[in-house]
């Protein structure tokens, strides 16, 4: 490789790095300022009670034994009873008999969707 070609490549790379550094320093945030939502008071004892009841269902999956489908059915009945507005407003689809897909349709279908994930089973320690 000739000295002129190597010098040209080095100059081009240096110029590109300088341009990136300058543009980075001049770049300003485009983040929209949003006011935080108003605080919603929680009924802490009620929330703790629901959580306490929910974790008592033995929704265990793993290699230690068969899954008890009745526990999942009971958990979903408990959730339906505990959160009636959610279960009346959302579209609920059963997947593979014991999984639930909750679809919360927004007001504007032109906006991008949001996906929230969770799982209802646990794996026993040592599995």
C-alpha atoms as a PDB file:
ATOM      1  CA  UNK A   1       0.000   0.000   0.000  1.00  0.00           C
ATOM      2  CA  UNK A   2       1.415   3.339  -0.945  1.00  0.00           C
ATOM      3  CA  UNK A   3       2.116   6.037   1.590  1.00  0.00           C
ATOM      4  CA  UNK A   4      -0.352   8.401  -0.110  1.00  0.00           C
ATOM      5  CA  UNK A   5      -3.187   5.837   0.048  1.00  0.00           C
ATOM      6  CA  UNK A   6      -2.486   5.020   3.715  1.00  0.00           C
ATOM      7  CA  UNK A   7      -2.326   8.733   4.586  1.00  0.00           C
ATOM      8  CA  UNK A   8      -5.630   9.327   2.744  1.00  0.00           C
ATOM      9  CA  UNK A   9      -7.361   6.504   4.613  1.00  0.00           C
ATOM     10  CA  UNK A  10      -6.000   7.739   7.947  1.00  0.00           C
ATOM     11  CA  UNK A  11      -7.150  11.287   7.159  1.00  0.00           C
ATOM     12  CA  UNK A  12     -10.629  10.069   6.186  1.00  0.00           C
ATOM     13  CA  UNK A  13     -10.967   7.989   9.355  1.00  0.00           C
ATOM     14  CA  UNK A  14      -9.722  10.885  11.502  1.00  0.00           C
ATOM     15  CA  UNK A  15     -12.180  13.270   9.830  1.00  0.00           C
ATOM     16  CA  UNK A  16     -15.056  10.824  10.383  1.00  0.00           C
ATOM     17  CA  UNK A  17     -14.150  10.468  14.066  1.00  0.00           C
ATOM     18  CA  UNK A  18     -13.919  14.244  14.479  1.00  0.00           C
ATOM     19  CA  UNK A  19     -17.289  14.755  12.801  1.00  0.00           C
ATOM     20  CA  UNK A  20     -18.898  12.110  15.057  1.00  0.00           C
ATOM     21  CA  UNK A  21     -17.394  13.703  18.181  1.00  0.00           C
ATOM     22  CA  UNK A  22     -18.527  17.213  17.195  1.00  0.00           C
ATOM     23  CA  UNK A  23     -22.040  16.027  16.304  1.00  0.00           C
ATOM     24  CA  UNK A  24     -22.256  14.118  19.588  1.00  0.00           C
ATOM     25  CA  UNK A  25     -21.320  17.245  21.544  1.00  0.00           C
ATOM     26  CA  UNK A  26     -23.836  19.370  19.626  1.00  0.00           C
ATOM     27  CA  UNK A  27     -26.695  16.864  19.842  1.00  0.00           C
ATOM     28  CA  UNK A  28     -29.530  17.929  22.132  1.00  0.00           C
ATOM     29  CA  UNK A  29     -32.106  15.661  23.699  1.00  0.00           C
ATOM     30  CA  UNK A  30     -35.419  15.247  21.919  1.00  0.00           C
ATOM     31  CA  UNK A  31     -37.001  13.678  24.971  1.00  0.00           C
ATOM     32  CA  UNK A  32     -40.510  14.954  25.554  1.00  0.00           C
ATOM     33  CA  UNK A  33     -41.123  16.369  29.011  1.00  0.00           C
ATOM     34  CA  UNK A  34     -44.014  14.570  30.662  1.00  0.00           C
ATOM     35  CA  UNK A  35     -45.529  15.385  34.010  1.00  0.00           C
ATOM     36  CA  UNK A  36     -45.571  12.395  36.353  1.00  0.00           C
ATOM     37  CA  UNK A  37     -49.020  10.912  36.909  1.00  0.00           C
ATOM     38  CA  UNK A  38     -50.905  11.823  40.018  1.00  0.00           C
ATOM     39  CA  UNK A  39     -50.265   9.470  42.910  1.00  0.00           C
ATOM     40  CA  UNK A  40     -53.015   6.926  43.320  1.00  0.00           C
ATOM     41  CA  UNK A  41     -53.435   5.807  46.903  1.00  0.00           C
ATOM     42  CA  UNK A  42     -53.274   2.058  47.384  1.00  0.00           C
ATOM     43  CA  UNK A  43     -55.167   0.006  49.869  1.00  0.00           C
ATOM     44  CA  UNK A  44     -51.952  -1.605  51.083  1.00  0.00           C
ATOM     45  CA  UNK A  45     -53.583  -4.279  53.221  1.00  0.00           C
ATOM     46  CA  UNK A  46     -55.864  -5.303  50.364  1.00  0.00           C
ATOM     47  CA  UNK A  47     -52.946  -5.444  47.923  1.00  0.00           C
ATOM     48  CA  UNK A  48     -50.879  -7.498  50.379  1.00  0.00           C
ATOM     49  CA  UNK A  49     -53.843  -9.819  50.971  1.00  0.00           C
ATOM     50  CA  UNK A  50     -54.328 -10.453  47.246  1.00  0.00           C
ATOM     51  CA  UNK A  51     -50.634 -11.132  46.760  1.00  0.00           C
ATOM     52  CA  UNK A  52     -50.609 -13.439  49.769  1.00  0.00           C
ATOM     53  CA  UNK A  53     -53.533 -15.424  48.388  1.00  0.00           C
ATOM     54  CA  UNK A  54     -52.073 -15.542  44.862  1.00  0.00           C
ATOM     55  CA  UNK A  55     -48.754 -17.033  45.931  1.00  0.00           C
ATOM     56  CA  UNK A  56     -50.515 -19.821  47.834  1.00  0.00           C
ATOM     57  CA  UNK A  57     -51.615 -21.505  44.596  1.00  0.00           C
ATOM     58  CA  UNK A  58     -49.188 -24.313  43.796  1.00  0.00           C
ATOM     59  CA  UNK A  59     -48.515 -23.403  40.159  1.00  0.00           C
ATOM     60  CA  UNK A  60     -45.286 -25.413  39.987  1.00  0.00           C
ATOM     61  CA  UNK A  61     -43.746 -26.704  36.813  1.00  0.00           C
ATOM     62  CA  UNK A  62     -40.510 -28.580  36.490  1.00  0.00           C
ATOM     63  CA  UNK A  63     -38.933 -31.975  36.489  1.00  0.00           C
ATOM     64  CA  UNK A  64     -40.016 -33.020  39.992  1.00  0.00           C
ATOM     65  CA  UNK A  65     -43.489 -34.165  39.066  1.00  0.00           C
ATOM     66  CA  UNK A  66     -46.615 -33.515  37.075  1.00  0.00           C
ATOM     67  CA  UNK A  67     -48.146 -30.072  36.871  1.00  0.00           C
ATOM     68  CA  UNK A  68     -51.438 -29.774  38.773  1.00  0.00           C
ATOM     69  CA  UNK A  69     -53.776 -28.092  36.265  1.00  0.00           C
ATOM     70  CA  UNK A  70     -56.416 -27.530  38.961  1.00  0.00           C
ATOM     71  CA  UNK A  71     -54.064 -25.057  40.654  1.00  0.00           C
ATOM     72  CA  UNK A  72     -53.829 -22.958  37.486  1.00  0.00           C
ATOM     73  CA  UNK A  73     -57.610 -23.075  37.037  1.00  0.00           C
ATOM     74  CA  UNK A  74     -58.087 -21.977  40.648  1.00  0.00           C
ATOM     75  CA  UNK A  75     -55.524 -19.176  40.276  1.00  0.00           C
ATOM     76  CA  UNK A  76     -57.272 -17.823  37.181  1.00  0.00           C
ATOM     77  CA  UNK A  77     -60.635 -17.960  38.982  1.00  0.00           C
ATOM     78  CA  UNK A  78     -59.068 -16.037  41.870  1.00  0.00           C
ATOM     79  CA  UNK A  79     -57.639 -13.413  39.483  1.00  0.00           C
ATOM     80  CA  UNK A  80     -60.990 -13.049  37.741  1.00  0.00           C
ATOM     81  CA  UNK A  81     -62.718 -12.583  41.097  1.00  0.00           C
ATOM     82  CA  UNK A  82     -60.059 -10.211  42.434  1.00  0.00           C
ATOM     83  CA  UNK A  83     -59.814  -8.023  39.334  1.00  0.00           C
ATOM     84  CA  UNK A  84     -63.293  -7.956  37.768  1.00  0.00           C
ATOM     85  CA  UNK A  85     -62.732  -4.707  35.837  1.00  0.00           C
ATOM     86  CA  UNK A  86     -59.633  -6.114  34.161  1.00  0.00           C
ATOM     87  CA  UNK A  87     -61.445  -9.282  33.221  1.00  0.00           C
ATOM     88  CA  UNK A  88     -64.456  -7.425  31.881  1.00  0.00           C
ATOM     89  CA  UNK A  89     -62.453  -4.881  29.846  1.00  0.00           C
ATOM     90  CA  UNK A  90     -59.691  -7.041  28.341  1.00  0.00           C
ATOM     91  CA  UNK A  91     -59.946  -9.720  25.718  1.00  0.00           C
ATOM     92  CA  UNK A  92     -58.697 -12.968  27.269  1.00  0.00           C
ATOM     93  CA  UNK A  93     -57.444 -15.856  25.178  1.00  0.00           C
ATOM     94  CA  UNK A  94     -56.502 -19.273  26.549  1.00  0.00           C
ATOM     95  CA  UNK A  95     -53.257 -20.645  25.124  1.00  0.00           C
ATOM     96  CA  UNK A  96     -52.194 -24.284  25.548  1.00  0.00           C
ATOM     97  CA  UNK A  97     -55.041 -24.925  28.009  1.00  0.00           C
ATOM     98  CA  UNK A  98     -53.499 -23.203  31.054  1.00  0.00           C
ATOM     99  CA  UNK A  99     -51.848 -20.020  29.800  1.00  0.00           C
ATOM    100  CA  UNK A 100     -53.664 -16.720  29.400  1.00  0.00           C
ATOM    101  CA  UNK A 101     -53.131 -13.950  26.895  1.00  0.00           C
ATOM    102  CA  UNK A 102     -54.733 -10.662  27.947  1.00  0.00           C
ATOM    103  CA  UNK A 103     -55.245  -8.141  25.130  1.00  0.00           C
ATOM    104  CA  UNK A 104     -55.789  -4.531  26.142  1.00  0.00           C
ATOM    105  CA  UNK A 105     -56.901  -2.657  23.056  1.00  0.00           C
ATOM    106  CA  UNK A 106     -55.963   1.002  23.042  1.00  0.00           C
ATOM    107  CA  UNK A 107     -58.045   3.930  21.878  1.00  0.00           C
ATOM    108  CA  UNK A 108     -55.873   4.650  18.825  1.00  0.00           C
ATOM    109  CA  UNK A 109     -55.054   1.649  16.637  1.00  0.00           C
ATOM    110  CA  UNK A 110     -52.564   3.780  14.693  1.00  0.00           C
ATOM    111  CA  UNK A 111     -50.216   3.878  17.686  1.00  0.00           C
ATOM    112  CA  UNK A 112     -47.613   1.190  18.238  1.00  0.00           C
ATOM    113  CA  UNK A 113     -48.651  -1.590  20.632  1.00  0.00           C
ATOM    114  CA  UNK A 114     -46.968  -2.384  23.940  1.00  0.00           C
ATOM    115  CA  UNK A 115     -46.274  -5.917  25.120  1.00  0.00           C
ATOM    116  CA  UNK A 116     -46.100  -6.815  28.812  1.00  0.00           C
ATOM    117  CA  UNK A 117     -45.021 -10.324  29.777  1.00  0.00           C
ATOM    118  CA  UNK A 118     -45.307 -12.399  32.905  1.00  0.00           C
ATOM    119  CA  UNK A 119     -45.555 -16.047  33.824  1.00  0.00           C
ATOM    120  CA  UNK A 120     -47.784 -17.806  36.314  1.00  0.00           C
ATOM    121  CA  UNK A 121     -45.719 -20.854  37.113  1.00  0.00           C
ATOM    122  CA  UNK A 122     -42.714 -21.344  39.347  1.00  0.00           C
ATOM    123  CA  UNK A 123     -39.970 -23.946  39.331  1.00  0.00           C
ATOM    124  CA  UNK A 124     -39.301 -25.831  42.523  1.00  0.00           C
ATOM    125  CA  UNK A 125     -35.913 -25.259  44.149  1.00  0.00           C
ATOM    126  CA  UNK A 126     -33.327 -27.729  42.991  1.00  0.00           C
ATOM    127  CA  UNK A 127     -35.074 -28.457  39.664  1.00  0.00           C
END
